[in-house]
Amino acid sequence: MRGQAGFGSAPRWRRGPGWHKPGGRLKLPENISTLVLPSYSPELNPQENVWQYLRQNYLSNRVFKTYTAIVDACCEAWNALVRQPDQITSISSREWAKQVTT
């Protein structure tokens, strides 16, 4: 949670299917909580919202002539987003996740 002064703990999202369960092998620091997301719920996953934002704002309604053009457009979109940390925070923040305590 870079850029948020005083943020003492960070949630870590994990999808809920059985093959994503760590089985006790994952050791997390005390300031990180694991939140299990229900299966088939991409709208709850902050990473999915970032990709949706990139598609809607940088990559939609375009035709690419080559694979390299696709990769270049994706890199440009990603770099444009990285220059907007407040936008990333806005896209990926969840009120219900802020309320989680360890």
PDB file of N, CA and C in Angstrom:
ATOM      1  N   MET A   1       0.836  -1.172   0.000  1.00  0.00           N
ATOM      2  CA  MET A   1       0.000   0.000   0.000  1.00  0.00           C
ATOM      3  C   MET A   1       0.884   1.240   0.000  1.00  0.00           C
ATOM      4  N   ARG A   2       1.688   1.319  -0.980  1.00  0.00           N
ATOM      5  CA  ARG A   2       2.659   2.379  -1.122  1.00  0.00           C
ATOM      6  C   ARG A   2       1.989   3.742  -1.199  1.00  0.00           C
ATOM      7  N   GLY A   3       2.575   4.700  -0.544  1.00  0.00           N
ATOM      8  CA  GLY A   3       2.073   6.052  -0.628  1.00  0.00           C
ATOM      9  C   GLY A   3       1.012   6.392   0.403  1.00  0.00           C
ATOM     10  N   GLN A   4       0.664   5.445   1.247  1.00  0.00           N
ATOM     11  CA  GLN A   4      -0.326   5.732   2.274  1.00  0.00           C
ATOM     12  C   GLN A   4       0.381   5.775   3.623  1.00  0.00           C
ATOM     13  N   ALA A   5       0.706   6.950   4.051  1.00  0.00           N
ATOM     14  CA  ALA A   5       1.415   7.112   5.310  1.00  0.00           C
ATOM     15  C   ALA A   5       0.579   6.602   6.464  1.00  0.00           C
ATOM     16  N   GLY A   6       1.204   5.873   7.353  1.00  0.00           N
ATOM     17  CA  GLY A   6       0.522   5.402   8.536  1.00  0.00           C
ATOM     18  C   GLY A   6      -0.294   4.134   8.325  1.00  0.00           C
ATOM     19  N   PHE A   7      -0.214   3.536   7.161  1.00  0.00           N
ATOM     20  CA  PHE A   7      -0.961   2.312   6.886  1.00  0.00           C
ATOM     21  C   PHE A   7      -0.200   1.170   7.535  1.00  0.00           C
ATOM     22  N   GLY A   8      -0.721   0.643   8.644  1.00  0.00           N
ATOM     23  CA  GLY A   8       0.013  -0.326   9.449  1.00  0.00           C
ATOM     24  C   GLY A   8      -0.111  -1.762   9.009  1.00  0.00           C
ATOM     25  N   SER A   9      -1.158  -2.117   8.277  1.00  0.00           N
ATOM     26  CA  SER A   9      -1.280  -3.485   7.820  1.00  0.00           C
ATOM     27  C   SER A   9      -1.786  -3.492   6.392  1.00  0.00           C
ATOM     28  N   ALA A  10      -1.515  -4.575   5.692  1.00  0.00           N
ATOM     29  CA  ALA A  10      -1.899  -4.667   4.288  1.00  0.00           C
ATOM     30  C   ALA A  10      -2.646  -5.964   4.044  1.00  0.00           C
ATOM     31  N   PRO A  11      -3.788  -5.880   3.355  1.00  0.00           N
ATOM     32  CA  PRO A  11      -4.481  -7.117   3.013  1.00  0.00           C
ATOM     33  C   PRO A  11      -3.823  -7.796   1.821  1.00  0.00           C
ATOM     34  N   ARG A  12      -3.891  -9.092   1.788  1.00  0.00           N
ATOM     35  CA  ARG A  12      -3.427  -9.865   0.641  1.00  0.00           C
ATOM     36  C   ARG A  12      -4.633 -10.647   0.149  1.00  0.00           C
ATOM     37  N   TRP A  13      -5.015 -10.437  -1.124  1.00  0.00           N
ATOM     38  CA  TRP A  13      -6.179 -11.116  -1.665  1.00  0.00           C
ATOM     39  C   TRP A  13      -5.772 -12.461  -2.214  1.00  0.00           C
ATOM     40  N   ARG A  14      -6.653 -13.437  -2.001  1.00  0.00           N
ATOM     41  CA  ARG A  14      -6.422 -14.778  -2.507  1.00  0.00           C
ATOM     42  C   ARG A  14      -7.761 -15.332  -2.939  1.00  0.00           C
ATOM     43  N   ARG A  15      -7.795 -15.896  -4.132  1.00  0.00           N
ATOM     44  CA  ARG A  15      -9.047 -16.479  -4.596  1.00  0.00           C
ATOM     45  C   ARG A  15      -9.305 -17.773  -3.843  1.00  0.00           C
ATOM     46  N   GLY A  16     -10.569 -18.172  -3.779  1.00  0.00           N
ATOM     47  CA  GLY A  16     -10.985 -19.258  -2.910  1.00  0.00           C
ATOM     48  C   GLY A  16     -10.945 -20.685  -3.407  1.00  0.00           C
ATOM     49  N   PRO A  17     -10.730 -21.001  -4.686  1.00  0.00           N
ATOM     50  CA  PRO A  17     -10.753 -22.400  -5.085  1.00  0.00           C
ATOM     51  C   PRO A  17      -9.725 -23.242  -4.327  1.00  0.00           C
ATOM     52  N   GLY A  18     -10.010 -24.529  -4.213  1.00  0.00           N
ATOM     53  CA  GLY A  18      -9.165 -25.425  -3.431  1.00  0.00           C
ATOM     54  C   GLY A  18      -7.712 -25.454  -3.854  1.00  0.00           C
ATOM     55  N   TRP A  19      -7.448 -25.310  -5.144  1.00  0.00           N
ATOM     56  CA  TRP A  19      -6.057 -25.381  -5.594  1.00  0.00           C
ATOM     57  C   TRP A  19      -5.270 -24.114  -5.282  1.00  0.00           C
ATOM     58  N   HIS A  20      -5.915 -23.079  -4.748  1.00  0.00           N
ATOM     59  CA  HIS A  20      -5.204 -21.863  -4.352  1.00  0.00           C
ATOM     60  C   HIS A  20      -4.917 -21.801  -2.857  1.00  0.00           C
ATOM     61  N   LYS A  21      -5.298 -22.802  -2.126  1.00  0.00           N
ATOM     62  CA  LYS A  21      -5.069 -22.794  -0.683  1.00  0.00           C
ATOM     63  C   LYS A  21      -3.614 -23.139  -0.391  1.00  0.00           C
ATOM     64  N   PRO A  22      -2.954 -22.387   0.489  1.00  0.00           N
ATOM     65  CA  PRO A  22      -1.524 -22.587   0.725  1.00  0.00           C
ATOM     66  C   PRO A  22      -1.193 -23.830   1.540  1.00  0.00           C
ATOM     67  N   GLY A  23      -2.147 -24.414   2.247  1.00  0.00           N
ATOM     68  CA  GLY A  23      -1.861 -25.627   3.003  1.00  0.00           C
ATOM     69  C   GLY A  23      -0.890 -25.421   4.150  1.00  0.00           C
ATOM     70  N   GLY A  24      -0.872 -24.230   4.755  1.00  0.00           N
ATOM     71  CA  GLY A  24      -0.001 -23.976   5.895  1.00  0.00           C
ATOM     72  C   GLY A  24       1.441 -23.665   5.535  1.00  0.00           C
ATOM     73  N   ARG A  25       1.777 -23.654   4.261  1.00  0.00           N
ATOM     74  CA  ARG A  25       3.167 -23.397   3.855  1.00  0.00           C
ATOM     75  C   ARG A  25       3.480 -21.922   3.715  1.00  0.00           C
ATOM     76  N   LEU A  26       2.456 -21.107   3.516  1.00  0.00           N
ATOM     77  CA  LEU A  26       2.663 -19.679   3.313  1.00  0.00           C
ATOM     78  C   LEU A  26       2.838 -18.992   4.662  1.00  0.00           C
ATOM     79  N   LYS A  27       3.965 -18.356   4.856  1.00  0.00           N
ATOM     80  CA  LYS A  27       4.247 -17.622   6.092  1.00  0.00           C
ATOM     81  C   LYS A  27       4.164 -16.129   5.789  1.00  0.00           C
ATOM     82  N   LEU A  28       3.185 -15.469   6.384  1.00  0.00           N
ATOM     83  CA  LEU A  28       2.989 -14.037   6.174  1.00  0.00           C
ATOM     84  C   LEU A  28       3.433 -13.253   7.396  1.00  0.00           C
ATOM     85  N   PRO A  29       3.974 -12.056   7.187  1.00  0.00           N
ATOM     86  CA  PRO A  29       4.279 -11.184   8.327  1.00  0.00           C
ATOM     87  C   PRO A  29       2.998 -10.848   9.082  1.00  0.00           C
ATOM     88  N   GLU A  30       3.116 -10.467  10.317  1.00  0.00           N
ATOM     89  CA  GLU A  30       1.951 -10.186  11.157  1.00  0.00           C
ATOM     90  C   GLU A  30       1.110  -9.021  10.647  1.00  0.00           C
ATOM     91  N   ASN A  31       1.690  -8.116   9.873  1.00  0.00           N
ATOM     92  CA  ASN A  31       0.934  -6.952   9.409  1.00  0.00           C
ATOM     93  C   ASN A  31       0.213  -7.200   8.083  1.00  0.00           C
ATOM     94  N   ILE A  32       0.143  -8.455   7.627  1.00  0.00           N
ATOM     95  CA  ILE A  32      -0.572  -8.788   6.400  1.00  0.00           C
ATOM     96  C   ILE A  32      -1.673  -9.784   6.715  1.00  0.00           C
ATOM     97  N   SER A  33      -2.901  -9.441   6.326  1.00  0.00           N
ATOM     98  CA  SER A  33      -4.055 -10.316   6.512  1.00  0.00           C
ATOM     99  C   SER A  33      -4.394 -10.977   5.185  1.00  0.00           C
ATOM    100  N   THR A  34      -4.808 -12.224   5.221  1.00  0.00           N
ATOM    101  CA  THR A  34      -5.227 -12.914   4.013  1.00  0.00           C
ATOM    102  C   THR A  34      -6.745 -12.857   3.910  1.00  0.00           C
ATOM    103  N   LEU A  35      -7.220 -12.380   2.772  1.00  0.00           N
ATOM    104  CA  LEU A  35      -8.651 -12.329   2.506  1.00  0.00           C
ATOM    105  C   LEU A  35      -8.952 -13.316   1.384  1.00  0.00           C
ATOM    106  N   VAL A  36      -9.768 -14.296   1.660  1.00  0.00           N
ATOM    107  CA  VAL A  36     -10.133 -15.274   0.647  1.00  0.00           C
ATOM    108  C   VAL A  36     -11.334 -14.746  -0.122  1.00  0.00           C
ATOM    109  N   LEU A  37     -11.177 -14.625  -1.432  1.00  0.00           N
ATOM    110  CA  LEU A  37     -12.267 -14.151  -2.278  1.00  0.00           C
ATOM    111  C   LEU A  37     -13.060 -15.346  -2.788  1.00  0.00           C
ATOM    112  N   PRO A  38     -14.364 -15.202  -2.934  1.00  0.00           N
ATOM    113  CA  PRO A  38     -15.166 -16.300  -3.474  1.00  0.00           C
ATOM    114  C   PRO A  38     -14.776 -16.608  -4.917  1.00  0.00           C
ATOM    115  N   SER A  39     -14.969 -17.855  -5.306  1.00  0.00           N
ATOM    116  CA  SER A  39     -14.711 -18.250  -6.693  1.00  0.00           C
ATOM    117  C   SER A  39     -15.620 -17.477  -7.634  1.00  0.00           C
ATOM    118  N   TYR A  40     -15.150 -17.250  -8.837  1.00  0.00           N
ATOM    119  CA  TYR A  40     -15.927 -16.599  -9.889  1.00  0.00           C
ATOM    120  C   TYR A  40     -16.435 -15.223  -9.476  1.00  0.00           C
ATOM    121  N   SER A  41     -15.564 -14.435  -8.859  1.00  0.00           N
ATOM    122  CA  SER A  41     -15.950 -13.076  -8.465  1.00  0.00           C
ATOM    123  C   SER A  41     -14.846 -12.087  -8.821  1.00  0.00           C
ATOM    124  N   PRO A  42     -14.541 -11.943 -10.115  1.00  0.00           N
ATOM    125  CA  PRO A  42     -13.453 -11.049 -10.511  1.00  0.00           C
ATOM    126  C   PRO A  42     -13.688  -9.600 -10.112  1.00  0.00           C
ATOM    127  N   GLU A  43     -14.959  -9.198  -9.932  1.00  0.00           N
ATOM    128  CA  GLU A  43     -15.239  -7.809  -9.551  1.00  0.00           C
ATOM    129  C   GLU A  43     -14.704  -7.469  -8.170  1.00  0.00           C
ATOM    130  N   LEU A  44     -14.415  -8.487  -7.363  1.00  0.00           N
ATOM    131  CA  LEU A  44     -13.857  -8.250  -6.031  1.00  0.00           C
ATOM    132  C   LEU A  44     -12.334  -8.196  -6.044  1.00  0.00           C
ATOM    133  N   ASN A  45     -11.728  -8.604  -7.122  1.00  0.00           N
ATOM    134  CA  ASN A  45     -10.278  -8.700  -7.214  1.00  0.00           C
ATOM    135  C   ASN A  45      -9.704  -7.383  -7.752  1.00  0.00           C
ATOM    136  N   PRO A  46      -8.936  -6.665  -6.951  1.00  0.00           N
ATOM    137  CA  PRO A  46      -8.410  -5.360  -7.383  1.00  0.00           C
ATOM    138  C   PRO A  46      -7.579  -5.428  -8.668  1.00  0.00           C
ATOM    139  N   GLN A  47      -6.842  -6.526  -8.868  1.00  0.00           N
ATOM    140  CA  GLN A  47      -6.042  -6.642 -10.083  1.00  0.00           C
ATOM    141  C   GLN A  47      -6.925  -6.672 -11.323  1.00  0.00           C
ATOM    142  N   GLU A  48      -8.071  -7.320 -11.214  1.00  0.00           N
ATOM    143  CA  GLU A  48      -8.999  -7.362 -12.348  1.00  0.00           C
ATOM    144  C   GLU A  48      -9.514  -5.967 -12.683  1.00  0.00           C
ATOM    145  N   ASN A  49      -9.726  -5.147 -11.665  1.00  0.00           N
ATOM    146  CA  ASN A  49     -10.189  -3.781 -11.895  1.00  0.00           C
ATOM    147  C   ASN A  49      -9.115  -2.929 -12.563  1.00  0.00           C
ATOM    148  N   VAL A  50      -7.860  -3.185 -12.245  1.00  0.00           N
ATOM    149  CA  VAL A  50      -6.761  -2.458 -12.908  1.00  0.00           C
ATOM    150  C   VAL A  50      -6.758  -2.801 -14.395  1.00  0.00           C
ATOM    151  N   TRP A  51      -6.880  -4.093 -14.732  1.00  0.00           N
ATOM    152  CA  TRP A  51      -6.889  -4.483 -16.145  1.00  0.00           C
ATOM    153  C   TRP A  51      -8.109  -3.913 -16.858  1.00  0.00           C
ATOM    154  N   GLN A  52      -9.245  -3.894 -16.189  1.00  0.00           N
ATOM    155  CA  GLN A  52     -10.437  -3.313 -16.788  1.00  0.00           C
ATOM    156  C   GLN A  52     -10.219  -1.828 -17.082  1.00  0.00           C
ATOM    157  N   TYR A  53      -9.610  -1.120 -16.154  1.00  0.00           N
ATOM    158  CA  TYR A  53      -9.317   0.302 -16.353  1.00  0.00           C
ATOM    159  C   TYR A  53      -8.400   0.494 -17.570  1.00  0.00           C
ATOM    160  N   LEU A  54      -7.363  -0.338 -17.665  1.00  0.00           N
ATOM    161  CA  LEU A  54      -6.437  -0.218 -18.797  1.00  0.00           C
ATOM    162  C   LEU A  54      -7.157  -0.480 -20.121  1.00  0.00           C
ATOM    163  N   ARG A  55      -7.986  -1.498 -20.157  1.00  0.00           N
ATOM    164  CA  ARG A  55      -8.724  -1.803 -21.389  1.00  0.00           C
ATOM    165  C   ARG A  55      -9.654  -0.651 -21.761  1.00  0.00           C
ATOM    166  N   GLN A  56     -10.387  -0.136 -20.783  1.00  0.00           N
ATOM    167  CA  GLN A  56     -11.365   0.915 -21.071  1.00  0.00           C
ATOM    168  C   GLN A  56     -10.722   2.242 -21.458  1.00  0.00           C
ATOM    169  N   ASN A  57      -9.584   2.565 -20.863  1.00  0.00           N
ATOM    170  CA  ASN A  57      -9.003   3.888 -21.047  1.00  0.00           C
ATOM    171  C   ASN A  57      -7.841   3.957 -22.030  1.00  0.00           C
ATOM    172  N   TYR A  58      -7.224   2.837 -22.334  1.00  0.00           N
ATOM    173  CA  TYR A  58      -6.049   2.885 -23.206  1.00  0.00           C
ATOM    174  C   TYR A  58      -6.080   1.876 -24.355  1.00  0.00           C
ATOM    175  N   LEU A  59      -6.758   0.763 -24.189  1.00  0.00           N
ATOM    176  CA  LEU A  59      -6.598  -0.321 -25.156  1.00  0.00           C
ATOM    177  C   LEU A  59      -7.856  -0.666 -25.949  1.00  0.00           C
ATOM    178  N   SER A  60      -8.971  -0.015 -25.677  1.00  0.00           N
ATOM    179  CA  SER A  60     -10.217  -0.374 -26.363  1.00  0.00           C
ATOM    180  C   SER A  60     -10.345   0.324 -27.717  1.00  0.00           C
ATOM    181  N   ASN A  61     -11.182  -0.267 -28.565  1.00  0.00           N
ATOM    182  CA  ASN A  61     -11.514   0.298 -29.878  1.00  0.00           C
ATOM    183  C   ASN A  61     -10.282   0.596 -30.731  1.00  0.00           C
ATOM    184  N   ARG A  62      -9.356  -0.335 -30.698  1.00  0.00           N
ATOM    185  CA  ARG A  62      -8.139  -0.187 -31.497  1.00  0.00           C
ATOM    186  C   ARG A  62      -7.890  -1.472 -32.265  1.00  0.00           C
ATOM    187  N   VAL A  63      -7.277  -1.330 -33.405  1.00  0.00           N
ATOM    188  CA  VAL A  63      -6.866  -2.484 -34.194  1.00  0.00           C
ATOM    189  C   VAL A  63      -5.348  -2.443 -34.278  1.00  0.00           C
ATOM    190  N   PHE A  64      -4.738  -3.557 -33.953  1.00  0.00           N
ATOM    191  CA  PHE A  64      -3.283  -3.637 -33.967  1.00  0.00           C
ATOM    192  C   PHE A  64      -2.838  -4.479 -35.154  1.00  0.00           C
ATOM    193  N   LYS A  65      -1.842  -3.997 -35.866  1.00  0.00           N
ATOM    194  CA  LYS A  65      -1.382  -4.709 -37.060  1.00  0.00           C
ATOM    195  C   LYS A  65      -0.418  -5.835 -36.736  1.00  0.00           C
ATOM    196  N   THR A  66       0.319  -5.697 -35.643  1.00  0.00           N
ATOM    197  CA  THR A  66       1.318  -6.711 -35.310  1.00  0.00           C
ATOM    198  C   THR A  66       1.286  -7.019 -33.822  1.00  0.00           C
ATOM    199  N   TYR A  67       1.878  -8.122 -33.478  1.00  0.00           N
ATOM    200  CA  TYR A  67       2.027  -8.496 -32.075  1.00  0.00           C
ATOM    201  C   TYR A  67       2.840  -7.443 -31.336  1.00  0.00           C
ATOM    202  N   THR A  68       3.877  -6.944 -31.969  1.00  0.00           N
ATOM    203  CA  THR A  68       4.716  -5.907 -31.356  1.00  0.00           C
ATOM    204  C   THR A  68       3.901  -4.649 -31.060  1.00  0.00           C
ATOM    205  N   ALA A  69       2.975  -4.315 -31.931  1.00  0.00           N
ATOM    206  CA  ALA A  69       2.116  -3.146 -31.698  1.00  0.00           C
ATOM    207  C   ALA A  69       1.235  -3.362 -30.469  1.00  0.00           C
ATOM    208  N   ILE A  70       0.766  -4.592 -30.272  1.00  0.00           N
ATOM    209  CA  ILE A  70      -0.033  -4.902 -29.085  1.00  0.00           C
ATOM    210  C   ILE A  70       0.808  -4.742 -27.828  1.00  0.00           C
ATOM    211  N   VAL A  71       1.999  -5.317 -27.847  1.00  0.00           N
ATOM    212  CA  VAL A  71       2.883  -5.241 -26.677  1.00  0.00           C
ATOM    213  C   VAL A  71       3.255  -3.789 -26.391  1.00  0.00           C
ATOM    214  N   ASP A  72       3.568  -3.025 -27.429  1.00  0.00           N
ATOM    215  CA  ASP A  72       3.917  -1.613 -27.239  1.00  0.00           C
ATOM    216  C   ASP A  72       2.754  -0.828 -26.633  1.00  0.00           C
ATOM    217  N   ALA A  73       1.542  -1.068 -27.121  1.00  0.00           N
ATOM    218  CA  ALA A  73       0.369  -0.368 -26.592  1.00  0.00           C
ATOM    219  C   ALA A  73       0.138  -0.742 -25.126  1.00  0.00           C
ATOM    220  N   CYS A  74       0.313  -2.019 -24.789  1.00  0.00           N
ATOM    221  CA  CYS A  74       0.143  -2.450 -23.401  1.00  0.00           C
ATOM    222  C   CYS A  74       1.197  -1.803 -22.498  1.00  0.00           C
ATOM    223  N   CYS A  75       2.424  -1.741 -22.979  1.00  0.00           N
ATOM    224  CA  CYS A  75       3.494  -1.115 -22.185  1.00  0.00           C
ATOM    225  C   CYS A  75       3.226   0.376 -21.988  1.00  0.00           C
ATOM    226  N   GLU A  76       2.773   1.044 -23.036  1.00  0.00           N
ATOM    227  CA  GLU A  76       2.445   2.462 -22.925  1.00  0.00           C
ATOM    228  C   GLU A  76       1.298   2.681 -21.936  1.00  0.00           C
ATOM    229  N   ALA A  77       0.285   1.826 -22.010  1.00  0.00           N
ATOM    230  CA  ALA A  77      -0.852   1.942 -21.087  1.00  0.00           C
ATOM    231  C   ALA A  77      -0.395   1.729 -19.654  1.00  0.00           C
ATOM    232  N   TRP A  78       0.414   0.688 -19.440  1.00  0.00           N
ATOM    233  CA  TRP A  78       0.904   0.390 -18.086  1.00  0.00           C
ATOM    234  C   TRP A  78       1.741   1.543 -17.554  1.00  0.00           C
ATOM    235  N   ASN A  79       2.648   2.061 -18.370  1.00  0.00           N
ATOM    236  CA  ASN A  79       3.509   3.160 -17.926  1.00  0.00           C
ATOM    237  C   ASN A  79       2.701   4.418 -17.634  1.00  0.00           C
ATOM    238  N   ALA A  80       1.661   4.666 -18.405  1.00  0.00           N
ATOM    239  CA  ALA A  80       0.791   5.823 -18.139  1.00  0.00           C
ATOM    240  C   ALA A  80       0.085   5.657 -16.799  1.00  0.00           C
ATOM    241  N   LEU A  81      -0.364   4.448 -16.514  1.00  0.00           N
ATOM    242  CA  LEU A  81      -1.047   4.201 -15.244  1.00  0.00           C
ATOM    243  C   LEU A  81      -0.081   4.305 -14.063  1.00  0.00           C
ATOM    244  N   VAL A  82       1.112   3.787 -14.219  1.00  0.00           N
ATOM    245  CA  VAL A  82       2.101   3.827 -13.135  1.00  0.00           C
ATOM    246  C   VAL A  82       2.439   5.265 -12.744  1.00  0.00           C
ATOM    247  N   ARG A  83       2.329   6.186 -13.683  1.00  0.00           N
ATOM    248  CA  ARG A  83       2.596   7.603 -13.384  1.00  0.00           C
ATOM    249  C   ARG A  83       1.444   8.258 -12.618  1.00  0.00           C
ATOM    250  N   GLN A  84       0.369   7.490 -12.337  1.00  0.00           N
ATOM    251  CA  GLN A  84      -0.800   8.017 -11.636  1.00  0.00           C
ATOM    252  C   GLN A  84      -1.087   7.185 -10.378  1.00  0.00           C
ATOM    253  N   PRO A  85      -0.242   7.264  -9.356  1.00  0.00           N
ATOM    254  CA  PRO A  85      -0.453   6.422  -8.174  1.00  0.00           C
ATOM    255  C   PRO A  85      -1.799   6.651  -7.492  1.00  0.00           C
ATOM    256  N   ASP A  86      -2.320   7.867  -7.533  1.00  0.00           N
ATOM    257  CA  ASP A  86      -3.637   8.116  -6.937  1.00  0.00           C
ATOM    258  C   ASP A  86      -4.741   7.373  -7.689  1.00  0.00           C
ATOM    259  N   GLN A  87      -4.586   7.262  -9.003  1.00  0.00           N
ATOM    260  CA  GLN A  87      -5.562   6.516  -9.803  1.00  0.00           C
ATOM    261  C   GLN A  87      -5.509   5.031  -9.450  1.00  0.00           C
ATOM    262  N   ILE A  88      -4.322   4.497  -9.277  1.00  0.00           N
ATOM    263  CA  ILE A  88      -4.174   3.086  -8.892  1.00  0.00           C
ATOM    264  C   ILE A  88      -4.830   2.841  -7.541  1.00  0.00           C
ATOM    265  N   THR A  89      -4.601   3.726  -6.592  1.00  0.00           N
ATOM    266  CA  THR A  89      -5.223   3.599  -5.276  1.00  0.00           C
ATOM    267  C   THR A  89      -6.734   3.631  -5.389  1.00  0.00           C
ATOM    268  N   SER A  90      -7.244   4.536  -6.201  1.00  0.00           N
ATOM    269  CA  SER A  90      -8.686   4.659  -6.381  1.00  0.00           C
ATOM    270  C   SER A  90      -9.280   3.396  -6.998  1.00  0.00           C
ATOM    271  N   ILE A  91      -8.625   2.844  -7.994  1.00  0.00           N
ATOM    272  CA  ILE A  91      -9.122   1.654  -8.683  1.00  0.00           C
ATOM    273  C   ILE A  91      -9.096   0.435  -7.770  1.00  0.00           C
ATOM    274  N   SER A  92      -8.049   0.305  -7.001  1.00  0.00           N
ATOM    275  CA  SER A  92      -7.834  -0.947  -6.271  1.00  0.00           C
ATOM    276  C   SER A  92      -8.248  -0.920  -4.806  1.00  0.00           C
ATOM    277  N   SER A  93      -8.684   0.206  -4.295  1.00  0.00           N
ATOM    278  CA  SER A  93      -9.083   0.277  -2.887  1.00  0.00           C
ATOM    279  C   SER A  93     -10.454  -0.339  -2.671  1.00  0.00           C
ATOM    280  N   ARG A  94     -10.614  -0.983  -1.545  1.00  0.00           N
ATOM    281  CA  ARG A  94     -11.883  -1.578  -1.154  1.00  0.00           C
ATOM    282  C   ARG A  94     -12.177  -1.190   0.282  1.00  0.00           C
ATOM    283  N   GLU A  95     -13.318  -0.569   0.523  1.00  0.00           N
ATOM    284  CA  GLU A  95     -13.672  -0.166   1.890  1.00  0.00           C
ATOM    285  C   GLU A  95     -13.717  -1.371   2.815  1.00  0.00           C
ATOM    286  N   TRP A  96     -14.282  -2.482   2.353  1.00  0.00           N
ATOM    287  CA  TRP A  96     -14.390  -3.656   3.206  1.00  0.00           C
ATOM    288  C   TRP A  96     -13.022  -4.243   3.529  1.00  0.00           C
ATOM    289  N   ALA A  97     -12.035  -4.049   2.655  1.00  0.00           N
ATOM    290  CA  ALA A  97     -10.693  -4.568   2.922  1.00  0.00           C
ATOM    291  C   ALA A  97      -9.961  -3.691   3.939  1.00  0.00           C
ATOM    292  N   LYS A  98     -10.269  -2.409   3.977  1.00  0.00           N
ATOM    293  CA  LYS A  98      -9.628  -1.519   4.936  1.00  0.00           C
ATOM    294  C   LYS A  98     -10.052  -1.839   6.364  1.00  0.00           C
ATOM    295  N   GLN A  99     -11.204  -2.466   6.512  1.00  0.00           N
ATOM    296  CA  GLN A  99     -11.727  -2.753   7.833  1.00  0.00           C
ATOM    297  C   GLN A  99     -11.191  -4.066   8.407  1.00  0.00           C
ATOM    298  N   VAL A 100     -10.448  -4.821   7.640  1.00  0.00           N
ATOM    299  CA  VAL A 100      -9.934  -6.111   8.108  1.00  0.00           C
ATOM    300  C   VAL A 100      -8.789  -5.891   9.086  1.00  0.00           C
ATOM    301  N   THR A 101      -8.815  -6.624  10.160  1.00  0.00           N
ATOM    302  CA  THR A 101      -7.720  -6.568  11.124  1.00  0.00           C
ATOM    303  C   THR A 101      -7.185  -7.975  11.318  1.00  0.00           C
ATOM    304  N   THR A 102      -5.940  -8.055  11.727  1.00  0.00           N
ATOM    305  CA  THR A 102      -5.333  -9.378  11.941  1.00  0.00           C
ATOM    306  C   THR A 102      -5.687  -9.915  13.297  1.00  0.00           C
TER     307      THR A 102
END
